Amino acid sequence: MIVSSPEALRLVNEAPEFAQAVSTAVARLALKTTAEEALNSLLDLGPCVYLGDRKCQVYESRPDACRACHVWHDAWYCGREDYDMCTPAELNSLRLGHLHERMVGEFAAKRRPFRGYLLPAVWLMQRRRAEYLAGEDLSVGLDRRWIDADLLEFPTLDELTTEKAGLDVEFANQDNPMGFPRGGRVENRAMLKAFGLRE
Protein backbone atom coordinates (compact mmCIF):
# COMPACT_ATOMS: atom_id res chain seq x y z
CA MET A 1 0.00 0.00 0.00
CA ILE A 2 1.33 3.42 -0.96
CA VAL A 3 0.49 6.10 1.59
CA SER A 4 1.10 9.82 1.79
CA SER A 5 2.96 11.44 4.66
CA PRO A 6 -0.30 12.93 6.07
CA GLU A 7 -1.75 9.41 6.20
CA ALA A 8 1.39 8.11 7.91
CA LEU A 9 1.13 11.00 10.38
CA ARG A 10 -2.48 10.10 11.13
CA LEU A 11 -1.52 6.49 11.88
CA VAL A 12 1.33 7.62 14.15
CA ASN A 13 -0.99 10.02 15.99
CA GLU A 14 -4.08 7.83 16.20
CA ALA A 15 -2.55 4.36 16.60
CA PRO A 16 0.66 4.86 18.63
CA GLU A 17 0.28 1.41 20.20
CA PHE A 18 1.53 -0.11 16.90
CA ALA A 19 4.86 1.73 16.97
CA GLN A 20 6.81 -1.30 18.17
CA ALA A 21 5.14 -3.63 15.65
CA VAL A 22 6.09 -1.26 12.82
CA SER A 23 9.67 -0.94 14.10
CA THR A 24 10.04 -4.69 14.50
CA ALA A 25 8.75 -5.36 10.98
CA VAL A 26 10.94 -2.68 9.38
CA ALA A 27 14.00 -3.96 11.27
CA ARG A 28 13.50 -7.26 9.39
CA LEU A 29 13.34 -5.46 6.05
CA ALA A 30 16.44 -6.08 3.98
CA LEU A 31 17.18 -3.16 1.67
CA LYS A 32 18.32 -4.75 -1.56
CA THR A 33 20.11 -3.32 -4.57
CA THR A 34 17.07 -3.13 -6.84
CA ALA A 35 13.57 -1.78 -6.28
CA GLU A 36 12.08 -5.17 -7.18
CA GLU A 37 14.21 -6.99 -4.59
CA ALA A 38 13.34 -4.39 -1.95
CA LEU A 39 9.62 -4.73 -2.70
CA ASN A 40 9.86 -8.52 -2.50
CA SER A 41 11.63 -8.17 0.84
CA LEU A 42 8.79 -5.93 2.03
CA LEU A 43 6.16 -8.44 0.90
CA ASP A 44 8.07 -11.22 2.64
CA LEU A 45 7.33 -9.52 5.96
CA GLY A 46 3.87 -11.05 5.73
CA PRO A 47 0.43 -9.69 6.60
CA CYS A 48 -0.02 -6.06 7.64
CA VAL A 49 1.01 -5.26 11.22
CA TYR A 50 -2.34 -3.50 11.66
CA LEU A 51 -4.24 -6.72 10.93
CA GLY A 52 -5.51 -8.77 13.87
CA ASP A 53 -8.28 -11.31 14.24
CA ARG A 54 -8.70 -11.13 10.46
CA LYS A 55 -9.73 -7.46 10.78
CA CYS A 56 -8.09 -4.08 10.37
CA GLN A 57 -7.34 -2.75 13.86
CA VAL A 58 -6.94 0.85 12.63
CA TYR A 59 -10.02 0.88 10.44
CA GLU A 60 -11.01 4.49 11.16
CA SER A 61 -7.46 5.71 10.47
CA ARG A 62 -6.68 3.47 7.50
CA PRO A 63 -5.08 5.05 4.42
CA ASP A 64 -6.98 5.67 1.18
CA ALA A 65 -5.19 2.78 -0.54
CA CYS A 66 -6.72 0.44 2.04
CA ARG A 67 -10.11 2.10 1.68
CA ALA A 68 -10.07 1.59 -2.10
CA CYS A 69 -8.75 -1.98 -2.06
CA HIS A 70 -11.08 -3.19 0.65
CA VAL A 71 -14.16 -2.05 -1.14
CA TRP A 72 -13.12 -4.95 -3.34
CA HIS A 73 -11.14 -7.28 -1.08
CA ASP A 74 -11.51 -8.74 2.37
CA ALA A 75 -8.99 -7.33 4.86
CA TRP A 76 -7.59 -10.82 5.41
CA TYR A 77 -5.73 -10.46 2.11
CA CYS A 78 -3.56 -7.60 3.50
CA GLY A 79 0.06 -8.39 2.80
CA ARG A 80 -0.55 -11.94 1.61
CA GLU A 81 1.28 -13.33 -1.40
CA ASP A 82 -1.99 -14.13 -3.17
CA TYR A 83 -3.30 -10.58 -2.82
CA ASP A 84 -3.43 -9.16 -6.35
CA MET A 85 -4.40 -5.64 -5.21
CA CYS A 86 -6.61 -5.18 -8.25
CA THR A 87 -9.34 -2.60 -7.84
CA PRO A 88 -11.50 -0.96 -10.49
CA ALA A 89 -9.83 1.96 -12.27
CA GLU A 90 -12.32 4.50 -10.92
CA LEU A 91 -11.33 3.71 -7.32
CA ASN A 92 -7.67 4.09 -8.21
CA SER A 93 -8.37 7.43 -9.84
CA LEU A 94 -10.10 8.68 -6.67
CA ARG A 95 -7.35 7.29 -4.44
CA LEU A 96 -4.55 8.92 -6.45
CA GLY A 97 -6.50 12.17 -6.61
CA HIS A 98 -6.79 12.20 -2.82
CA LEU A 99 -3.10 11.37 -2.42
CA HIS A 100 -2.21 14.27 -4.70
CA GLU A 101 -4.50 16.70 -2.83
CA ARG A 102 -3.05 15.69 0.53
CA MET A 103 0.53 16.12 -0.62
CA VAL A 104 -0.15 19.48 -2.29
CA GLY A 105 -1.90 20.53 0.92
CA GLU A 106 1.25 19.72 2.87
CA PHE A 107 3.30 21.99 0.63
CA ALA A 108 0.73 24.73 1.26
CA ALA A 109 1.14 24.12 5.02
CA LYS A 110 4.94 24.58 4.64
CA ARG A 111 5.70 20.91 5.21
CA ARG A 112 7.75 18.67 2.90
CA PRO A 113 5.51 15.71 2.05
CA PHE A 114 6.57 12.26 1.00
CA ARG A 115 4.91 9.01 0.02
CA GLY A 116 5.89 5.40 0.24
CA TYR A 117 4.94 1.90 1.20
CA LEU A 118 2.96 1.73 4.43
CA LEU A 119 5.58 0.36 6.82
CA PRO A 120 8.56 2.47 5.71
CA ALA A 121 6.39 5.62 5.60
CA VAL A 122 4.97 5.08 9.10
CA TRP A 123 8.41 4.07 10.42
CA LEU A 124 9.97 7.30 9.11
CA MET A 125 7.13 9.41 10.51
CA GLN A 126 7.43 7.73 13.93
CA ARG A 127 11.11 8.65 14.13
CA ARG A 128 10.99 12.14 12.71
CA ARG A 129 7.47 13.42 13.34
CA ALA A 130 8.59 16.68 15.00
CA GLU A 131 10.97 17.45 12.14
CA TYR A 132 8.22 16.76 9.60
CA LEU A 133 5.79 19.07 11.39
CA ALA A 134 8.50 21.74 11.46
CA GLY A 135 8.72 21.56 7.66
CA GLU A 136 12.04 19.75 7.39
CA ASP A 137 12.81 17.52 4.42
CA LEU A 138 13.03 14.00 5.85
CA SER A 139 14.99 12.78 2.84
CA VAL A 140 17.97 14.66 4.31
CA GLY A 141 19.89 12.26 6.51
CA LEU A 142 17.84 9.26 5.33
CA ASP A 143 19.78 6.22 4.13
CA ARG A 144 19.66 6.58 0.32
CA ARG A 145 18.75 2.92 -0.03
CA TRP A 146 15.17 3.72 1.06
CA ILE A 147 14.81 6.12 -1.87
CA ASP A 148 16.87 4.12 -4.36
CA ALA A 149 14.70 1.07 -3.65
CA ASP A 150 11.54 3.14 -4.33
CA LEU A 151 10.20 2.41 -0.84
CA LEU A 152 10.00 6.14 -0.09
CA GLU A 153 9.65 9.06 -2.51
CA PHE A 154 9.98 12.81 -2.01
CA PRO A 155 8.47 14.41 -5.14
CA THR A 156 8.55 18.17 -5.63
CA LEU A 157 5.39 20.21 -6.12
CA ASP A 158 6.18 20.52 -9.84
CA GLU A 159 6.68 16.76 -10.13
CA LEU A 160 3.35 16.12 -8.40
CA THR A 161 1.55 18.54 -10.70
CA THR A 162 3.05 16.96 -13.82
CA GLU A 163 2.29 13.47 -12.54
CA LYS A 164 -1.34 14.36 -11.78
CA ALA A 165 -1.87 15.84 -15.24
CA GLY A 166 -0.50 12.66 -16.84
CA LEU A 167 -2.68 10.42 -14.68
CA ASP A 168 -5.77 12.48 -15.51
CA VAL A 169 -5.11 11.94 -19.22
CA GLU A 170 -4.48 8.23 -18.71
CA PHE A 171 -7.65 7.70 -16.66
CA ALA A 172 -9.70 9.68 -19.19
CA ASN A 173 -8.45 7.95 -22.32
CA GLN A 174 -7.44 4.36 -21.62
CA ASP A 175 -9.62 1.27 -21.22
CA ASN A 176 -7.41 -0.12 -18.46
CA PRO A 177 -5.59 2.86 -16.94
CA MET A 178 -2.47 1.78 -15.03
CA GLY A 179 -3.45 -1.80 -15.87
CA PHE A 180 -6.67 -1.70 -13.83
CA PRO A 181 -9.98 -2.52 -15.55
CA ARG A 182 -12.89 -0.09 -15.52
CA GLY A 183 -15.50 -0.97 -12.92
CA GLY A 184 -18.22 -1.46 -15.54
CA ARG A 185 -16.19 -4.31 -17.03
CA VAL A 186 -15.74 -6.25 -13.77
CA GLU A 187 -18.82 -7.67 -12.08
CA ASN A 188 -16.99 -9.89 -9.58
CA ARG A 189 -13.55 -11.16 -8.62
CA ALA A 190 -13.83 -14.17 -10.91
CA MET A 191 -13.93 -11.80 -13.88
CA LEU A 192 -10.48 -10.46 -12.95
CA LYS A 193 -9.05 -13.59 -14.57
CA ALA A 194 -10.06 -12.13 -17.91
CA PHE A 195 -7.54 -9.35 -17.29
CA GLY A 196 -4.71 -11.78 -16.61
CA LEU A 197 -4.76 -11.24 -12.86
CA ARG A 198 -4.40 -13.92 -10.23
CA GLU A 199 -7.51 -14.95 -8.31
C-alpha atoms as a PDB file:
ATOM      1  CA  MET A   1       0.000   0.000   0.000  1.00  0.00           C
ATOM      2  CA  ILE A   2       1.333   3.416  -0.958  1.00  0.00           C
ATOM      3  CA  VAL A   3       0.494   6.098   1.595  1.00  0.00           C
ATOM      4  CA  SER A   4       1.097   9.821   1.787  1.00  0.00           C
ATOM      5  CA  SER A   5       2.955  11.443   4.659  1.00  0.00           C
ATOM      6  CA  PRO A   6      -0.298  12.926   6.073  1.00  0.00           C
ATOM      7  CA  GLU A   7      -1.753   9.407   6.201  1.00  0.00           C
ATOM      8  CA  ALA A   8       1.389   8.114   7.909  1.00  0.00           C
ATOM      9  CA  LEU A   9       1.131  10.996  10.382  1.00  0.00           C
ATOM     10  CA  ARG A  10      -2.482  10.099  11.131  1.00  0.00           C
ATOM     11  CA  LEU A  11      -1.520   6.493  11.880  1.00  0.00           C
ATOM     12  CA  VAL A  12       1.328   7.625  14.145  1.00  0.00           C
ATOM     13  CA  ASN A  13      -0.989  10.021  15.987  1.00  0.00           C
ATOM     14  CA  GLU A  14      -4.083   7.829  16.197  1.00  0.00           C
ATOM     15  CA  ALA A  15      -2.546   4.365  16.599  1.00  0.00           C
ATOM     16  CA  PRO A  16       0.659   4.859  18.634  1.00  0.00           C
ATOM     17  CA  GLU A  17       0.278   1.408  20.197  1.00  0.00           C
ATOM     18  CA  PHE A  18       1.525  -0.105  16.904  1.00  0.00           C
ATOM     19  CA  ALA A  19       4.861   1.733  16.971  1.00  0.00           C
ATOM     20  CA  GLN A  20       6.814  -1.305  18.171  1.00  0.00           C
ATOM     21  CA  ALA A  21       5.142  -3.633  15.651  1.00  0.00           C
ATOM     22  CA  VAL A  22       6.087  -1.257  12.823  1.00  0.00           C
ATOM     23  CA  SER A  23       9.668  -0.936  14.099  1.00  0.00           C
ATOM     24  CA  THR A  24      10.041  -4.689  14.498  1.00  0.00           C
ATOM     25  CA  ALA A  25       8.754  -5.356  10.978  1.00  0.00           C
ATOM     26  CA  VAL A  26      10.941  -2.682   9.380  1.00  0.00           C
ATOM     27  CA  ALA A  27      14.004  -3.963  11.272  1.00  0.00           C
ATOM     28  CA  ARG A  28      13.498  -7.255   9.391  1.00  0.00           C
ATOM     29  CA  LEU A  29      13.338  -5.458   6.051  1.00  0.00           C
ATOM     30  CA  ALA A  30      16.438  -6.084   3.978  1.00  0.00           C
ATOM     31  CA  LEU A  31      17.180  -3.163   1.666  1.00  0.00           C
ATOM     32  CA  LYS A  32      18.322  -4.747  -1.562  1.00  0.00           C
ATOM     33  CA  THR A  33      20.106  -3.323  -4.570  1.00  0.00           C
ATOM     34  CA  THR A  34      17.065  -3.130  -6.836  1.00  0.00           C
ATOM     35  CA  ALA A  35      13.574  -1.783  -6.281  1.00  0.00           C
ATOM     36  CA  GLU A  36      12.084  -5.171  -7.179  1.00  0.00           C
ATOM     37  CA  GLU A  37      14.211  -6.989  -4.586  1.00  0.00           C
ATOM     38  CA  ALA A  38      13.336  -4.391  -1.946  1.00  0.00           C
ATOM     39  CA  LEU A  39       9.619  -4.726  -2.697  1.00  0.00           C
ATOM     40  CA  ASN A  40       9.857  -8.523  -2.505  1.00  0.00           C
ATOM     41  CA  SER A  41      11.628  -8.170   0.836  1.00  0.00           C
ATOM     42  CA  LEU A  42       8.789  -5.930   2.029  1.00  0.00           C
ATOM     43  CA  LEU A  43       6.162  -8.436   0.895  1.00  0.00           C
ATOM     44  CA  ASP A  44       8.073 -11.221   2.635  1.00  0.00           C
ATOM     45  CA  LEU A  45       7.329  -9.519   5.963  1.00  0.00           C
ATOM     46  CA  GLY A  46       3.866 -11.051   5.733  1.00  0.00           C
ATOM     47  CA  PRO A  47       0.429  -9.685   6.596  1.00  0.00           C
ATOM     48  CA  CYS A  48      -0.023  -6.060   7.638  1.00  0.00           C
ATOM     49  CA  VAL A  49       1.008  -5.256  11.222  1.00  0.00           C
ATOM     50  CA  TYR A  50      -2.345  -3.505  11.663  1.00  0.00           C
ATOM     51  CA  LEU A  51      -4.238  -6.717  10.935  1.00  0.00           C
ATOM     52  CA  GLY A  52      -5.514  -8.765  13.867  1.00  0.00           C
ATOM     53  CA  ASP A  53      -8.280 -11.305  14.242  1.00  0.00           C
ATOM     54  CA  ARG A  54      -8.700 -11.135  10.461  1.00  0.00           C
ATOM     55  CA  LYS A  55      -9.725  -7.459  10.778  1.00  0.00           C
ATOM     56  CA  CYS A  56      -8.091  -4.078  10.374  1.00  0.00           C
ATOM     57  CA  GLN A  57      -7.342  -2.747  13.860  1.00  0.00           C
ATOM     58  CA  VAL A  58      -6.937   0.847  12.627  1.00  0.00           C
ATOM     59  CA  TYR A  59     -10.017   0.875  10.436  1.00  0.00           C
ATOM     60  CA  GLU A  60     -11.013   4.485  11.156  1.00  0.00           C
ATOM     61  CA  SER A  61      -7.457   5.713  10.472  1.00  0.00           C
ATOM     62  CA  ARG A  62      -6.682   3.467   7.503  1.00  0.00           C
ATOM     63  CA  PRO A  63      -5.084   5.051   4.421  1.00  0.00           C
ATOM     64  CA  ASP A  64      -6.978   5.665   1.181  1.00  0.00           C
ATOM     65  CA  ALA A  65      -5.191   2.777  -0.541  1.00  0.00           C
ATOM     66  CA  CYS A  66      -6.722   0.435   2.043  1.00  0.00           C
ATOM     67  CA  ARG A  67     -10.110   2.100   1.682  1.00  0.00           C
ATOM     68  CA  ALA A  68     -10.066   1.589  -2.096  1.00  0.00           C
ATOM     69  CA  CYS A  69      -8.753  -1.975  -2.063  1.00  0.00           C
ATOM     70  CA  HIS A  70     -11.079  -3.189   0.646  1.00  0.00           C
ATOM     71  CA  VAL A  71     -14.164  -2.054  -1.136  1.00  0.00           C
ATOM     72  CA  TRP A  72     -13.123  -4.953  -3.342  1.00  0.00           C
ATOM     73  CA  HIS A  73     -11.141  -7.277  -1.078  1.00  0.00           C
ATOM     74  CA  ASP A  74     -11.507  -8.740   2.372  1.00  0.00           C
ATOM     75  CA  ALA A  75      -8.987  -7.327   4.860  1.00  0.00           C
ATOM     76  CA  TRP A  76      -7.594 -10.820   5.410  1.00  0.00           C
ATOM     77  CA  TYR A  77      -5.726 -10.460   2.105  1.00  0.00           C
ATOM     78  CA  CYS A  78      -3.563  -7.599   3.504  1.00  0.00           C
ATOM     79  CA  GLY A  79       0.060  -8.394   2.801  1.00  0.00           C
ATOM     80  CA  ARG A  80      -0.547 -11.940   1.608  1.00  0.00           C
ATOM     81  CA  GLU A  81       1.282 -13.331  -1.404  1.00  0.00           C
ATOM     82  CA  ASP A  82      -1.991 -14.131  -3.171  1.00  0.00           C
ATOM     83  CA  TYR A  83      -3.300 -10.576  -2.821  1.00  0.00           C
ATOM     84  CA  ASP A  84      -3.427  -9.164  -6.354  1.00  0.00           C
ATOM     85  CA  MET A  85      -4.402  -5.639  -5.208  1.00  0.00           C
ATOM     86  CA  CYS A  86      -6.614  -5.176  -8.250  1.00  0.00           C
ATOM     87  CA  THR A  87      -9.343  -2.603  -7.840  1.00  0.00           C
ATOM     88  CA  PRO A  88     -11.499  -0.960 -10.486  1.00  0.00           C
ATOM     89  CA  ALA A  89      -9.834   1.963 -12.268  1.00  0.00           C
ATOM     90  CA  GLU A  90     -12.320   4.501 -10.921  1.00  0.00           C
ATOM     91  CA  LEU A  91     -11.332   3.709  -7.324  1.00  0.00           C
ATOM     92  CA  ASN A  92      -7.667   4.087  -8.213  1.00  0.00           C
ATOM     93  CA  SER A  93      -8.367   7.429  -9.838  1.00  0.00           C
ATOM     94  CA  LEU A  94     -10.096   8.681  -6.666  1.00  0.00           C
ATOM     95  CA  ARG A  95      -7.349   7.290  -4.442  1.00  0.00           C
ATOM     96  CA  LEU A  96      -4.550   8.916  -6.449  1.00  0.00           C
ATOM     97  CA  GLY A  97      -6.500  12.171  -6.609  1.00  0.00           C
ATOM     98  CA  HIS A  98      -6.793  12.201  -2.816  1.00  0.00           C
ATOM     99  CA  LEU A  99      -3.101  11.368  -2.420  1.00  0.00           C
ATOM    100  CA  HIS A 100      -2.214  14.272  -4.701  1.00  0.00           C
ATOM    101  CA  GLU A 101      -4.502  16.695  -2.831  1.00  0.00           C
ATOM    102  CA  ARG A 102      -3.046  15.688   0.529  1.00  0.00           C
ATOM    103  CA  MET A 103       0.527  16.119  -0.621  1.00  0.00           C
ATOM    104  CA  VAL A 104      -0.150  19.481  -2.293  1.00  0.00           C
ATOM    105  CA  GLY A 105      -1.898  20.531   0.917  1.00  0.00           C
ATOM    106  CA  GLU A 106       1.245  19.716   2.868  1.00  0.00           C
ATOM    107  CA  PHE A 107       3.302  21.993   0.631  1.00  0.00           C
ATOM    108  CA  ALA A 108       0.731  24.733   1.264  1.00  0.00           C
ATOM    109  CA  ALA A 109       1.143  24.116   5.022  1.00  0.00           C
ATOM    110  CA  LYS A 110       4.935  24.582   4.636  1.00  0.00           C
ATOM    111  CA  ARG A 111       5.703  20.914   5.209  1.00  0.00           C
ATOM    112  CA  ARG A 112       7.751  18.670   2.897  1.00  0.00           C
ATOM    113  CA  PRO A 113       5.513  15.707   2.052  1.00  0.00           C
ATOM    114  CA  PHE A 114       6.572  12.262   0.999  1.00  0.00           C
ATOM    115  CA  ARG A 115       4.906   9.012   0.023  1.00  0.00           C
ATOM    116  CA  GLY A 116       5.888   5.401   0.235  1.00  0.00           C
ATOM    117  CA  TYR A 117       4.943   1.902   1.204  1.00  0.00           C
ATOM    118  CA  LEU A 118       2.960   1.729   4.428  1.00  0.00           C
ATOM    119  CA  LEU A 119       5.577   0.357   6.823  1.00  0.00           C
ATOM    120  CA  PRO A 120       8.561   2.472   5.711  1.00  0.00           C
ATOM    121  CA  ALA A 121       6.390   5.620   5.604  1.00  0.00           C
ATOM    122  CA  VAL A 122       4.972   5.079   9.105  1.00  0.00           C
ATOM    123  CA  TRP A 123       8.409   4.067  10.419  1.00  0.00           C
ATOM    124  CA  LEU A 124       9.969   7.295   9.113  1.00  0.00           C
ATOM    125  CA  MET A 125       7.127   9.412  10.514  1.00  0.00           C
ATOM    126  CA  GLN A 126       7.432   7.729  13.934  1.00  0.00           C
ATOM    127  CA  ARG A 127      11.107   8.646  14.133  1.00  0.00           C
ATOM    128  CA  ARG A 128      10.987  12.138  12.706  1.00  0.00           C
ATOM    129  CA  ARG A 129       7.474  13.420  13.342  1.00  0.00           C
ATOM    130  CA  ALA A 130       8.591  16.679  14.999  1.00  0.00           C
ATOM    131  CA  GLU A 131      10.969  17.447  12.136  1.00  0.00           C
ATOM    132  CA  TYR A 132       8.223  16.763   9.604  1.00  0.00           C
ATOM    133  CA  LEU A 133       5.787  19.074  11.388  1.00  0.00           C
ATOM    134  CA  ALA A 134       8.496  21.738  11.465  1.00  0.00           C
ATOM    135  CA  GLY A 135       8.716  21.562   7.658  1.00  0.00           C
ATOM    136  CA  GLU A 136      12.035  19.751   7.392  1.00  0.00           C
ATOM    137  CA  ASP A 137      12.814  17.521   4.423  1.00  0.00           C
ATOM    138  CA  LEU A 138      13.028  14.003   5.847  1.00  0.00           C
ATOM    139  CA  SER A 139      14.994  12.783   2.839  1.00  0.00           C
ATOM    140  CA  VAL A 140      17.972  14.660   4.308  1.00  0.00           C
ATOM    141  CA  GLY A 141      19.888  12.259   6.507  1.00  0.00           C
ATOM    142  CA  LEU A 142      17.845   9.260   5.334  1.00  0.00           C
ATOM    143  CA  ASP A 143      19.785   6.220   4.133  1.00  0.00           C
ATOM    144  CA  ARG A 144      19.659   6.578   0.323  1.00  0.00           C
ATOM    145  CA  ARG A 145      18.747   2.917  -0.035  1.00  0.00           C
ATOM    146  CA  TRP A 146      15.169   3.723   1.059  1.00  0.00           C
ATOM    147  CA  ILE A 147      14.810   6.118  -1.868  1.00  0.00           C
ATOM    148  CA  ASP A 148      16.871   4.123  -4.363  1.00  0.00           C
ATOM    149  CA  ALA A 149      14.699   1.065  -3.646  1.00  0.00           C
ATOM    150  CA  ASP A 150      11.538   3.136  -4.325  1.00  0.00           C
ATOM    151  CA  LEU A 151      10.200   2.407  -0.836  1.00  0.00           C
ATOM    152  CA  LEU A 152       9.997   6.139  -0.086  1.00  0.00           C
ATOM    153  CA  GLU A 153       9.648   9.059  -2.513  1.00  0.00           C
ATOM    154  CA  PHE A 154       9.976  12.806  -2.012  1.00  0.00           C
ATOM    155  CA  PRO A 155       8.467  14.405  -5.144  1.00  0.00           C
ATOM    156  CA  THR A 156       8.553  18.170  -5.628  1.00  0.00           C
ATOM    157  CA  LEU A 157       5.394  20.209  -6.116  1.00  0.00           C
ATOM    158  CA  ASP A 158       6.178  20.515  -9.837  1.00  0.00           C
ATOM    159  CA  GLU A 159       6.679  16.761 -10.128  1.00  0.00           C
ATOM    160  CA  LEU A 160       3.352  16.116  -8.397  1.00  0.00           C
ATOM    161  CA  THR A 161       1.548  18.543 -10.701  1.00  0.00           C
ATOM    162  CA  THR A 162       3.050  16.962 -13.822  1.00  0.00           C
ATOM    163  CA  GLU A 163       2.295  13.470 -12.542  1.00  0.00           C
ATOM    164  CA  LYS A 164      -1.340  14.363 -11.775  1.00  0.00           C
ATOM    165  CA  ALA A 165      -1.872  15.839 -15.241  1.00  0.00           C
ATOM    166  CA  GLY A 166      -0.497  12.657 -16.837  1.00  0.00           C
ATOM    167  CA  LEU A 167      -2.677  10.421 -14.679  1.00  0.00           C
ATOM    168  CA  ASP A 168      -5.773  12.482 -15.512  1.00  0.00           C
ATOM    169  CA  VAL A 169      -5.109  11.944 -19.223  1.00  0.00           C
ATOM    170  CA  GLU A 170      -4.480   8.228 -18.705  1.00  0.00           C
ATOM    171  CA  PHE A 171      -7.647   7.705 -16.665  1.00  0.00           C
ATOM    172  CA  ALA A 172      -9.705   9.680 -19.187  1.00  0.00           C
ATOM    173  CA  ASN A 173      -8.451   7.949 -22.319  1.00  0.00           C
ATOM    174  CA  GLN A 174      -7.440   4.361 -21.619  1.00  0.00           C
ATOM    175  CA  ASP A 175      -9.621   1.271 -21.222  1.00  0.00           C
ATOM    176  CA  ASN A 176      -7.406  -0.121 -18.463  1.00  0.00           C
ATOM    177  CA  PRO A 177      -5.590   2.861 -16.942  1.00  0.00           C
ATOM    178  CA  MET A 178      -2.474   1.784 -15.028  1.00  0.00           C
ATOM    179  CA  GLY A 179      -3.453  -1.797 -15.865  1.00  0.00           C
ATOM    180  CA  PHE A 180      -6.669  -1.696 -13.831  1.00  0.00           C
ATOM    181  CA  PRO A 181      -9.979  -2.524 -15.554  1.00  0.00           C
ATOM    182  CA  ARG A 182     -12.885  -0.090 -15.522  1.00  0.00           C
ATOM    183  CA  GLY A 183     -15.504  -0.967 -12.924  1.00  0.00           C
ATOM    184  CA  GLY A 184     -18.216  -1.462 -15.545  1.00  0.00           C
ATOM    185  CA  ARG A 185     -16.190  -4.313 -17.026  1.00  0.00           C
ATOM    186  CA  VAL A 186     -15.741  -6.247 -13.772  1.00  0.00           C
ATOM    187  CA  GLU A 187     -18.822  -7.671 -12.081  1.00  0.00           C
ATOM    188  CA  ASN A 188     -16.991  -9.887  -9.585  1.00  0.00           C
ATOM    189  CA  ARG A 189     -13.547 -11.156  -8.619  1.00  0.00           C
ATOM    190  CA  ALA A 190     -13.828 -14.166 -10.912  1.00  0.00           C
ATOM    191  CA  MET A 191     -13.925 -11.799 -13.879  1.00  0.00           C
ATOM    192  CA  LEU A 192     -10.477 -10.461 -12.950  1.00  0.00           C
ATOM    193  CA  LYS A 193      -9.050 -13.595 -14.565  1.00  0.00           C
ATOM    194  CA  ALA A 194     -10.056 -12.132 -17.911  1.00  0.00           C
ATOM    195  CA  PHE A 195      -7.545  -9.353 -17.294  1.00  0.00           C
ATOM    196  CA  GLY A 196      -4.707 -11.776 -16.611  1.00  0.00           C
ATOM    197  CA  LEU A 197      -4.756 -11.235 -12.865  1.00  0.00           C
ATOM    198  CA  ARG A 198      -4.396 -13.915 -10.228  1.00  0.00           C
ATOM    199  CA  GLU A 199      -7.506 -14.951  -8.309  1.00  0.00           C
END
